[in-house]
Amino acid sequence: TYAPDGRQIVLDRGDVLEVVASAPGYGLSRGTFEVRKKRRQHVEIALTPMDLSPTVAPEAELAVLEAIRAWRDAAEAYVADGDAATDSAEREAREEVVRRAKAWAWAGGGQTARDYCLMAATPEACGT
């Protein structure tokens, strides 16, 4: 197992890990995982779909929701095609979600803006 910075992590039986999962159009979910004796284990984390329909929201939030929709569409295209162009488009769409969410957070968007950013990036990338 490897950390996001590339260093190897040795896991021992009984270690408990916090797992964070996200996907375009779904809220951030967390779970815990205990390392057992077997080498291969399956972890399931349920993701809750986000309501991406327009609401009465600040312009900055609407911009983030628009970026999330575009990211979801790009991710679906990548899953369907799996080529370099759709991979690049998905990555760019994800980065746009982060840019817009961070801009909204800096403008006072609070926890909601941070949660949108964390859906697409690490806490370090979101500045949290």
Protein backbone atom coordinates (compact mmCIF):
# COMPACT_ATOMS: atom_id res chain seq x y z
CA THR A 1 0.00 0.00 0.00
CA TYR A 2 1.27 3.47 -0.82
CA ALA A 3 0.62 6.91 0.67
CA PRO A 4 -0.41 9.81 -1.59
CA ASP A 5 3.18 11.11 -1.42
CA GLY A 6 4.48 7.80 -2.85
CA ARG A 7 6.07 6.29 0.23
CA GLN A 8 5.25 2.67 1.02
CA ILE A 9 3.06 1.92 4.04
CA VAL A 10 3.35 -1.45 5.77
CA LEU A 11 0.04 -2.57 7.22
CA ASP A 12 -0.10 -5.02 10.12
CA ARG A 13 -3.00 -7.18 11.20
CA GLY A 14 -5.23 -5.18 13.54
CA ASP A 15 -4.34 -1.77 12.04
CA VAL A 16 -7.43 0.38 11.56
CA LEU A 17 -7.50 2.73 8.60
CA GLU A 18 -9.87 5.57 7.82
CA VAL A 19 -11.04 5.37 4.23
CA VAL A 20 -12.41 8.41 2.40
CA ALA A 21 -14.24 7.99 -0.90
CA SER A 22 -15.71 10.45 -3.36
CA ALA A 23 -16.96 10.53 -6.92
CA PRO A 24 -18.40 13.18 -9.21
CA GLY A 25 -21.98 13.92 -8.20
CA TYR A 26 -21.74 12.06 -4.88
CA GLY A 27 -21.08 13.32 -1.38
CA LEU A 28 -17.89 12.55 0.51
CA SER A 29 -18.14 9.31 2.54
CA ARG A 30 -15.89 7.99 5.25
CA GLY A 31 -15.49 4.54 6.74
CA THR A 32 -13.04 2.49 8.74
CA PHE A 33 -11.24 -0.67 7.74
CA GLU A 34 -9.44 -3.16 9.98
CA VAL A 35 -6.56 -5.11 8.46
CA ARG A 36 -7.11 -8.85 8.86
CA LYS A 37 -4.94 -11.90 8.27
CA LYS A 38 -5.90 -12.43 4.62
CA ARG A 39 -3.98 -10.44 2.04
CA ARG A 40 -6.95 -9.42 -0.11
CA GLN A 41 -9.92 -7.73 1.42
CA HIS A 42 -12.90 -5.95 -0.02
CA VAL A 43 -14.08 -2.62 1.40
CA GLU A 44 -17.48 -1.20 0.54
CA ILE A 45 -18.36 2.43 1.17
CA ALA A 46 -21.78 3.69 0.16
CA LEU A 47 -21.80 7.02 -1.66
CA THR A 48 -24.85 9.24 -1.44
CA PRO A 49 -25.89 11.05 -4.64
CA MET A 50 -25.88 14.83 -4.34
CA ASP A 51 -28.81 16.89 -5.51
CA LEU A 52 -27.24 18.89 -8.32
CA SER A 53 -30.44 20.59 -9.35
CA PRO A 54 -30.39 24.39 -9.21
CA THR A 55 -31.66 25.90 -5.99
CA VAL A 56 -31.72 29.37 -4.62
CA ALA A 57 -27.97 29.59 -4.10
CA PRO A 58 -25.20 32.12 -4.36
CA GLU A 59 -23.69 32.53 -7.81
CA ALA A 60 -20.44 30.95 -6.60
CA GLU A 61 -22.25 27.78 -5.46
CA LEU A 62 -24.05 27.53 -8.78
CA ALA A 63 -20.67 27.77 -10.53
CA VAL A 64 -19.35 24.89 -8.41
CA LEU A 65 -22.46 22.78 -9.10
CA GLU A 66 -22.03 23.44 -12.83
CA ALA A 67 -18.40 22.30 -12.60
CA ILE A 68 -19.44 19.15 -10.69
CA ARG A 69 -21.97 18.31 -13.41
CA ALA A 70 -19.28 18.76 -16.07
CA TRP A 71 -16.90 16.57 -14.04
CA ARG A 72 -19.56 13.86 -13.70
CA ASP A 73 -20.15 13.93 -17.47
CA ALA A 74 -16.39 13.77 -18.16
CA ALA A 75 -15.98 10.86 -15.73
CA GLU A 76 -18.81 8.97 -17.42
CA ALA A 77 -17.18 9.58 -20.82
CA TYR A 78 -13.86 8.28 -19.47
CA VAL A 79 -15.50 5.15 -18.06
CA ALA A 80 -17.19 4.56 -21.44
CA ASP A 81 -14.15 5.28 -23.64
CA GLY A 82 -11.10 4.98 -21.39
CA ASP A 83 -8.78 6.80 -23.77
CA ALA A 84 -6.18 9.50 -23.11
CA ALA A 85 -8.42 12.33 -24.31
CA THR A 86 -11.30 11.46 -21.97
CA ASP A 87 -8.82 10.88 -19.12
CA SER A 88 -7.39 14.35 -19.67
CA ALA A 89 -10.88 15.89 -19.88
CA GLU A 90 -11.90 14.20 -16.61
CA ARG A 91 -8.77 15.48 -14.87
CA GLU A 92 -9.32 19.04 -16.15
CA ALA A 93 -12.98 18.97 -15.10
CA ARG A 94 -11.99 17.78 -11.60
CA GLU A 95 -9.41 20.56 -11.31
CA GLU A 96 -12.09 23.09 -12.30
CA VAL A 97 -14.29 21.86 -9.44
CA VAL A 98 -11.38 22.44 -7.05
CA ARG A 99 -10.69 25.94 -8.44
CA ARG A 100 -14.31 27.03 -8.18
CA ALA A 101 -14.87 25.47 -4.75
CA LYS A 102 -11.71 27.09 -3.35
CA ALA A 103 -12.73 30.47 -4.79
CA TRP A 104 -16.12 30.13 -3.13
CA ALA A 105 -14.54 29.01 0.16
CA TRP A 106 -12.24 32.05 0.13
CA ALA A 107 -15.29 34.24 -0.49
CA GLY A 108 -17.01 32.85 2.63
CA GLY A 109 -18.64 29.67 1.29
CA GLY A 110 -18.00 27.86 4.55
CA GLN A 111 -18.15 24.11 5.10
CA THR A 112 -20.26 23.47 1.99
CA ALA A 113 -17.59 24.97 -0.26
CA ARG A 114 -14.89 22.94 1.51
CA ASP A 115 -16.95 19.73 1.14
CA TYR A 116 -17.29 20.32 -2.61
CA CYS A 117 -13.54 20.82 -2.87
CA LEU A 118 -12.82 17.67 -0.84
CA MET A 119 -15.03 15.70 -3.21
CA ALA A 120 -12.46 16.36 -5.93
CA ALA A 121 -9.14 16.76 -4.11
CA THR A 122 -7.12 16.10 -0.98
CA PRO A 123 -7.44 18.28 2.13
CA GLU A 124 -4.00 19.70 1.36
CA ALA A 125 -5.07 20.72 -2.14
CA CYS A 126 -8.20 22.32 -0.71
CA GLY A 127 -6.27 24.21 1.94
CA THR A 128 -8.10 22.57 4.86
